[in-house]
Amino acid sequence: MKKAVIRFSSVTYALKAKEIAEKNGGRATVRKNPNPKKNEGCGYSLIVVGNAEKIINMLNLNRVKYLGYEMI
């Protein structure tokens, strides 16, 4: 299983992404970033466990904006 941390500028996008991840067989948790960078807005992350590449592709297909991601 692969994991990814996907960064978002708002909790709204993070929650939309969580819903998409769970519909596509992944487990996901939304977390508040303790010290978001200046360009990250409120700064939320989604920790995804499962097929992370598939979930990132689904976010792109559904036009859910994210700031970046890191495979862990």
PDB file of N, CA and C in Angstrom:
ATOM      1  N   MET A   1       0.824  -1.182   0.000  1.00  0.00           N
ATOM      2  CA  MET A   1       0.000   0.000   0.000  1.00  0.00           C
ATOM      3  C   MET A   1       0.864   1.240   0.000  1.00  0.00           C
ATOM      4  N   LYS A   2       0.436   2.180  -0.774  1.00  0.00           N
ATOM      5  CA  LYS A   2       1.174   3.430  -0.837  1.00  0.00           C
ATOM      6  C   LYS A   2       0.447   4.495  -0.045  1.00  0.00           C
ATOM      7  N   LYS A   3       1.240   5.448   0.449  1.00  0.00           N
ATOM      8  CA  LYS A   3       0.684   6.574   1.193  1.00  0.00           C
ATOM      9  C   LYS A   3       1.095   7.866   0.505  1.00  0.00           C
ATOM     10  N   ALA A   4       0.253   8.874   0.676  1.00  0.00           N
ATOM     11  CA  ALA A   4       0.574  10.199   0.150  1.00  0.00           C
ATOM     12  C   ALA A   4       0.027  11.246   1.101  1.00  0.00           C
ATOM     13  N   VAL A   5       0.724  12.367   1.140  1.00  0.00           N
ATOM     14  CA  VAL A   5       0.238  13.548   1.849  1.00  0.00           C
ATOM     15  C   VAL A   5      -0.035  14.589   0.776  1.00  0.00           C
ATOM     16  N   ILE A   6      -1.299  15.003   0.690  1.00  0.00           N
ATOM     17  CA  ILE A   6      -1.715  15.968  -0.321  1.00  0.00           C
ATOM     18  C   ILE A   6      -2.081  17.266   0.394  1.00  0.00           C
ATOM     19  N   ARG A   7      -1.495  18.384  -0.049  1.00  0.00           N
ATOM     20  CA  ARG A   7      -1.710  19.672   0.608  1.00  0.00           C
ATOM     21  C   ARG A   7      -2.807  20.470  -0.090  1.00  0.00           C
ATOM     22  N   PHE A   8      -3.643  21.132   0.716  1.00  0.00           N
ATOM     23  CA  PHE A   8      -4.752  21.946   0.217  1.00  0.00           C
ATOM     24  C   PHE A   8      -4.728  23.320   0.870  1.00  0.00           C
ATOM     25  N   SER A   9      -5.341  24.281   0.203  1.00  0.00           N
ATOM     26  CA  SER A   9      -5.398  25.634   0.755  1.00  0.00           C
ATOM     27  C   SER A   9      -6.591  25.834   1.677  1.00  0.00           C
ATOM     28  N   SER A  10      -7.576  24.928   1.616  1.00  0.00           N
ATOM     29  CA  SER A  10      -8.760  25.089   2.466  1.00  0.00           C
ATOM     30  C   SER A  10      -9.284  23.727   2.906  1.00  0.00           C
ATOM     31  N   VAL A  11     -10.049  23.754   3.979  1.00  0.00           N
ATOM     32  CA  VAL A  11     -10.654  22.533   4.485  1.00  0.00           C
ATOM     33  C   VAL A  11     -11.711  22.019   3.508  1.00  0.00           C
ATOM     34  N   THR A  12     -12.340  22.908   2.763  1.00  0.00           N
ATOM     35  CA  THR A  12     -13.365  22.505   1.797  1.00  0.00           C
ATOM     36  C   THR A  12     -12.783  21.565   0.744  1.00  0.00           C
ATOM     37  N   TYR A  13     -11.650  21.944   0.162  1.00  0.00           N
ATOM     38  CA  TYR A  13     -11.010  21.085  -0.834  1.00  0.00           C
ATOM     39  C   TYR A  13     -10.518  19.786  -0.203  1.00  0.00           C
ATOM     40  N   ALA A  14     -10.002  19.860   0.998  1.00  0.00           N
ATOM     41  CA  ALA A  14      -9.523  18.655   1.674  1.00  0.00           C
ATOM     42  C   ALA A  14     -10.670  17.675   1.928  1.00  0.00           C
ATOM     43  N   LEU A  15     -11.827  18.177   2.329  1.00  0.00           N
ATOM     44  CA  LEU A  15     -12.975  17.303   2.579  1.00  0.00           C
ATOM     45  C   LEU A  15     -13.538  16.717   1.287  1.00  0.00           C
ATOM     46  N   LYS A  16     -13.540  17.494   0.204  1.00  0.00           N
ATOM     47  CA  LYS A  16     -13.960  16.964  -1.097  1.00  0.00           C
ATOM     48  C   LYS A  16     -13.017  15.839  -1.524  1.00  0.00           C
ATOM     49  N   ALA A  17     -11.724  16.063  -1.331  1.00  0.00           N
ATOM     50  CA  ALA A  17     -10.731  15.059  -1.702  1.00  0.00           C
ATOM     51  C   ALA A  17     -10.884  13.799  -0.853  1.00  0.00           C
ATOM     52  N   LYS A  18     -11.189  13.951   0.415  1.00  0.00           N
ATOM     53  CA  LYS A  18     -11.395  12.802   1.300  1.00  0.00           C
ATOM     54  C   LYS A  18     -12.550  11.946   0.803  1.00  0.00           C
ATOM     55  N   GLU A  19     -13.631  12.603   0.412  1.00  0.00           N
ATOM     56  CA  GLU A  19     -14.799  11.886  -0.112  1.00  0.00           C
ATOM     57  C   GLU A  19     -14.436  11.102  -1.376  1.00  0.00           C
ATOM     58  N   ILE A  20     -13.699  11.733  -2.275  1.00  0.00           N
ATOM     59  CA  ILE A  20     -13.277  11.072  -3.516  1.00  0.00           C
ATOM     60  C   ILE A  20     -12.358   9.892  -3.207  1.00  0.00           C
ATOM     61  N   ALA A  21     -11.420  10.081  -2.282  1.00  0.00           N
ATOM     62  CA  ALA A  21     -10.499   9.004  -1.912  1.00  0.00           C
ATOM     63  C   ALA A  21     -11.249   7.800  -1.359  1.00  0.00           C
ATOM     64  N   GLU A  22     -12.195   8.046  -0.481  1.00  0.00           N
ATOM     65  CA  GLU A  22     -12.932   6.948   0.134  1.00  0.00           C
ATOM     66  C   GLU A  22     -13.852   6.246  -0.863  1.00  0.00           C
ATOM     67  N   LYS A  23     -14.393   6.971  -1.826  1.00  0.00           N
ATOM     68  CA  LYS A  23     -15.223   6.353  -2.865  1.00  0.00           C
ATOM     69  C   LYS A  23     -14.393   5.468  -3.790  1.00  0.00           C
ATOM     70  N   ASN A  24     -13.087   5.739  -3.858  1.00  0.00           N
ATOM     71  CA  ASN A  24     -12.205   4.982  -4.741  1.00  0.00           C
ATOM     72  C   ASN A  24     -11.332   3.986  -3.994  1.00  0.00           C
ATOM     73  N   GLY A  25     -11.783   3.561  -2.834  1.00  0.00           N
ATOM     74  CA  GLY A  25     -11.121   2.479  -2.120  1.00  0.00           C
ATOM     75  C   GLY A  25      -9.960   2.870  -1.236  1.00  0.00           C
ATOM     76  N   GLY A  26      -9.728   4.137  -1.017  1.00  0.00           N
ATOM     77  CA  GLY A  26      -8.633   4.563  -0.149  1.00  0.00           C
ATOM     78  C   GLY A  26      -9.142   4.945   1.232  1.00  0.00           C
ATOM     79  N   ARG A  27      -8.231   4.991   2.172  1.00  0.00           N
ATOM     80  CA  ARG A  27      -8.544   5.528   3.501  1.00  0.00           C
ATOM     81  C   ARG A  27      -7.890   6.895   3.567  1.00  0.00           C
ATOM     82  N   ALA A  28      -8.588   7.852   4.150  1.00  0.00           N
ATOM     83  CA  ALA A  28      -8.064   9.212   4.154  1.00  0.00           C
ATOM     84  C   ALA A  28      -8.388   9.915   5.463  1.00  0.00           C
ATOM     85  N   THR A  29      -7.459  10.775   5.881  1.00  0.00           N
ATOM     86  CA  THR A  29      -7.616  11.566   7.089  1.00  0.00           C
ATOM     87  C   THR A  29      -7.238  13.007   6.786  1.00  0.00           C
ATOM     88  N   VAL A  30      -8.085  13.934   7.202  1.00  0.00           N
ATOM     89  CA  VAL A  30      -7.802  15.368   7.022  1.00  0.00           C
ATOM     90  C   VAL A  30      -7.109  15.874   8.271  1.00  0.00           C
ATOM     91  N   ARG A  31      -6.033  16.625   8.072  1.00  0.00           N
ATOM     92  CA  ARG A  31      -5.273  17.213   9.179  1.00  0.00           C
ATOM     93  C   ARG A  31      -5.009  18.683   8.911  1.00  0.00           C
ATOM     94  N   LYS A  32      -5.041  19.470   9.956  1.00  0.00           N
ATOM     95  CA  LYS A  32      -4.665  20.884   9.868  1.00  0.00           C
ATOM     96  C   LYS A  32      -3.150  20.967   9.941  1.00  0.00           C
ATOM     97  N   ASN A  33      -2.546  21.729   9.034  1.00  0.00           N
ATOM     98  CA  ASN A  33      -1.095  21.938   9.082  1.00  0.00           C
ATOM     99  C   ASN A  33      -0.785  22.905  10.215  1.00  0.00           C
ATOM    100  N   PRO A  34       0.139  22.565  11.096  1.00  0.00           N
ATOM    101  CA  PRO A  34       0.413  23.440  12.237  1.00  0.00           C
ATOM    102  C   PRO A  34       1.022  24.784  11.847  1.00  0.00           C
ATOM    103  N   ASN A  35       1.857  24.810  10.831  1.00  0.00           N
ATOM    104  CA  ASN A  35       2.507  26.054  10.391  1.00  0.00           C
ATOM    105  C   ASN A  35       2.438  26.157   8.871  1.00  0.00           C
ATOM    106  N   PRO A  36       1.266  26.522   8.322  1.00  0.00           N
ATOM    107  CA  PRO A  36       1.167  26.603   6.861  1.00  0.00           C
ATOM    108  C   PRO A  36       2.053  27.714   6.307  1.00  0.00           C
ATOM    109  N   LYS A  37       2.576  27.472   5.117  1.00  0.00           N
ATOM    110  CA  LYS A  37       3.378  28.487   4.450  1.00  0.00           C
ATOM    111  C   LYS A  37       2.474  29.620   3.989  1.00  0.00           C
ATOM    112  N   LYS A  38       3.070  30.724   3.648  1.00  0.00           N
ATOM    113  CA  LYS A  38       2.311  31.923   3.294  1.00  0.00           C
ATOM    114  C   LYS A  38       1.326  31.682   2.137  1.00  0.00           C
ATOM    115  N   ASN A  39       1.722  30.896   1.145  1.00  0.00           N
ATOM    116  CA  ASN A  39       0.867  30.657  -0.016  1.00  0.00           C
ATOM    117  C   ASN A  39      -0.095  29.479   0.171  1.00  0.00           C
ATOM    118  N   GLU A  40      -0.152  28.878   1.357  1.00  0.00           N
ATOM    119  CA  GLU A  40      -0.994  27.711   1.593  1.00  0.00           C
ATOM    120  C   GLU A  40      -2.345  28.040   2.213  1.00  0.00           C
ATOM    121  N   GLY A  41      -2.681  29.293   2.369  1.00  0.00           N
ATOM    122  CA  GLY A  41      -3.974  29.650   2.953  1.00  0.00           C
ATOM    123  C   GLY A  41      -4.113  29.092   4.358  1.00  0.00           C
ATOM    124  N   CYS A  42      -5.248  28.461   4.631  1.00  0.00           N
ATOM    125  CA  CYS A  42      -5.490  27.875   5.961  1.00  0.00           C
ATOM    126  C   CYS A  42      -4.606  26.663   6.220  1.00  0.00           C
ATOM    127  N   GLY A  43      -4.203  25.978   5.169  1.00  0.00           N
ATOM    128  CA  GLY A  43      -3.253  24.885   5.278  1.00  0.00           C
ATOM    129  C   GLY A  43      -3.813  23.595   5.851  1.00  0.00           C
ATOM    130  N   TYR A  44      -4.366  22.762   4.992  1.00  0.00           N
ATOM    131  CA  TYR A  44      -4.855  21.446   5.385  1.00  0.00           C
ATOM    132  C   TYR A  44      -4.183  20.398   4.521  1.00  0.00           C
ATOM    133  N   SER A  45      -4.048  19.202   5.090  1.00  0.00           N
ATOM    134  CA  SER A  45      -3.482  18.078   4.357  1.00  0.00           C
ATOM    135  C   SER A  45      -4.418  16.894   4.433  1.00  0.00           C
ATOM    136  N   LEU A  46      -4.318  16.052   3.423  1.00  0.00           N
ATOM    137  CA  LEU A  46      -5.047  14.794   3.398  1.00  0.00           C
ATOM    138  C   LEU A  46      -4.007  13.692   3.367  1.00  0.00           C
ATOM    139  N   ILE A  47      -4.058  12.805   4.348  1.00  0.00           N
ATOM    140  CA  ILE A  47      -3.172  11.652   4.367  1.00  0.00           C
ATOM    141  C   ILE A  47      -3.958  10.500   3.776  1.00  0.00           C
ATOM    142  N   VAL A  48      -3.462   9.959   2.661  1.00  0.00           N
ATOM    143  CA  VAL A  48      -4.156   8.913   1.921  1.00  0.00           C
ATOM    144  C   VAL A  48      -3.384   7.606   2.039  1.00  0.00           C
ATOM    145  N   VAL A  49      -4.093   6.537   2.364  1.00  0.00           N
ATOM    146  CA  VAL A  49      -3.519   5.198   2.386  1.00  0.00           C
ATOM    147  C   VAL A  49      -4.293   4.373   1.376  1.00  0.00           C
ATOM    148  N   GLY A  50      -3.595   3.765   0.470  1.00  0.00           N
ATOM    149  CA  GLY A  50      -4.232   2.981  -0.590  1.00  0.00           C
ATOM    150  C   GLY A  50      -3.511   3.259  -1.888  1.00  0.00           C
ATOM    151  N   ASN A  51      -4.224   3.203  -2.977  1.00  0.00           N
ATOM    152  CA  ASN A  51      -3.650   3.480  -4.279  1.00  0.00           C
ATOM    153  C   ASN A  51      -3.584   4.996  -4.474  1.00  0.00           C
ATOM    154  N   ALA A  52      -2.538   5.598  -3.957  1.00  0.00           N
ATOM    155  CA  ALA A  52      -2.409   7.060  -3.936  1.00  0.00           C
ATOM    156  C   ALA A  52      -2.379   7.658  -5.340  1.00  0.00           C
ATOM    157  N   GLU A  53      -1.717   6.992  -6.287  1.00  0.00           N
ATOM    158  CA  GLU A  53      -1.660   7.528  -7.650  1.00  0.00           C
ATOM    159  C   GLU A  53      -3.052   7.602  -8.258  1.00  0.00           C
ATOM    160  N   LYS A  54      -3.858   6.580  -8.042  1.00  0.00           N
ATOM    161  CA  LYS A  54      -5.230   6.573  -8.565  1.00  0.00           C
ATOM    162  C   LYS A  54      -6.040   7.719  -7.958  1.00  0.00           C
ATOM    163  N   ILE A  55      -5.875   7.924  -6.665  1.00  0.00           N
ATOM    164  CA  ILE A  55      -6.639   8.974  -5.985  1.00  0.00           C
ATOM    165  C   ILE A  55      -6.218  10.360  -6.478  1.00  0.00           C
ATOM    166  N   ILE A  56      -4.931  10.564  -6.692  1.00  0.00           N
ATOM    167  CA  ILE A  56      -4.454  11.844  -7.224  1.00  0.00           C
ATOM    168  C   ILE A  56      -5.007  12.064  -8.631  1.00  0.00           C
ATOM    169  N   ASN A  57      -5.040  11.016  -9.442  1.00  0.00           N
ATOM    170  CA  ASN A  57      -5.638  11.129 -10.778  1.00  0.00           C
ATOM    171  C   ASN A  57      -7.124  11.466 -10.690  1.00  0.00           C
ATOM    172  N   MET A  58      -7.828  10.874  -9.731  1.00  0.00           N
ATOM    173  CA  MET A  58      -9.252  11.162  -9.552  1.00  0.00           C
ATOM    174  C   MET A  58      -9.470  12.622  -9.123  1.00  0.00           C
ATOM    175  N   LEU A  59      -8.569  13.152  -8.305  1.00  0.00           N
ATOM    176  CA  LEU A  59      -8.665  14.563  -7.919  1.00  0.00           C
ATOM    177  C   LEU A  59      -8.515  15.455  -9.147  1.00  0.00           C
ATOM    178  N   ASN A  60      -7.575  15.110 -10.010  1.00  0.00           N
ATOM    179  CA  ASN A  60      -7.380  15.887 -11.238  1.00  0.00           C
ATOM    180  C   ASN A  60      -8.609  15.805 -12.139  1.00  0.00           C
ATOM    181  N   LEU A  61      -9.170  14.611 -12.290  1.00  0.00           N
ATOM    182  CA  LEU A  61     -10.360  14.437 -13.129  1.00  0.00           C
ATOM    183  C   LEU A  61     -11.561  15.208 -12.591  1.00  0.00           C
ATOM    184  N   ASN A  62     -11.669  15.296 -11.260  1.00  0.00           N
ATOM    185  CA  ASN A  62     -12.782  15.997 -10.622  1.00  0.00           C
ATOM    186  C   ASN A  62     -12.476  17.472 -10.357  1.00  0.00           C
ATOM    187  N   ARG A  63     -11.326  17.931 -10.824  1.00  0.00           N
ATOM    188  CA  ARG A  63     -10.898  19.333 -10.700  1.00  0.00           C
ATOM    189  C   ARG A  63     -10.892  19.832  -9.256  1.00  0.00           C
ATOM    190  N   VAL A  64     -10.381  18.982  -8.375  1.00  0.00           N
ATOM    191  CA  VAL A  64     -10.201  19.380  -6.981  1.00  0.00           C
ATOM    192  C   VAL A  64      -8.800  19.972  -6.877  1.00  0.00           C
ATOM    193  N   LYS A  65      -8.724  21.244  -6.509  1.00  0.00           N
ATOM    194  CA  LYS A  65      -7.438  21.946  -6.464  1.00  0.00           C
ATOM    195  C   LYS A  65      -6.629  21.519  -5.248  1.00  0.00           C
ATOM    196  N   TYR A  66      -5.374  21.169  -5.486  1.00  0.00           N
ATOM    197  CA  TYR A  66      -4.443  20.881  -4.396  1.00  0.00           C
ATOM    198  C   TYR A  66      -3.134  21.596  -4.691  1.00  0.00           C
ATOM    199  N   LEU A  67      -2.381  21.838  -3.629  1.00  0.00           N
ATOM    200  CA  LEU A  67      -1.144  22.610  -3.768  1.00  0.00           C
ATOM    201  C   LEU A  67       0.045  21.739  -4.159  1.00  0.00           C
ATOM    202  N   GLY A  68      -0.016  20.492  -3.792  1.00  0.00           N
ATOM    203  CA  GLY A  68       1.069  19.563  -4.088  1.00  0.00           C
ATOM    204  C   GLY A  68       0.878  18.303  -3.280  1.00  0.00           C
ATOM    205  N   TYR A  69       1.718  17.325  -3.554  1.00  0.00           N
ATOM    206  CA  TYR A  69       1.635  16.069  -2.818  1.00  0.00           C
ATOM    207  C   TYR A  69       3.027  15.460  -2.674  1.00  0.00           C
ATOM    208  N   GLU A  70       3.111  14.558  -1.730  1.00  0.00           N
ATOM    209  CA  GLU A  70       4.369  13.865  -1.443  1.00  0.00           C
ATOM    210  C   GLU A  70       4.038  12.411  -1.153  1.00  0.00           C
ATOM    211  N   MET A  71       4.688  11.491  -1.861  1.00  0.00           N
ATOM    212  CA  MET A  71       4.507  10.069  -1.601  1.00  0.00           C
ATOM    213  C   MET A  71       5.399   9.699  -0.414  1.00  0.00           C
ATOM    214  N   ILE A  72       4.818   8.977   0.525  1.00  0.00           N
ATOM    215  CA  ILE A  72       5.610   8.563   1.702  1.00  0.00           C
ATOM    216  C   ILE A  72       5.537   7.063   1.893  1.00  0.00           C
TER     217      ILE A  72
END
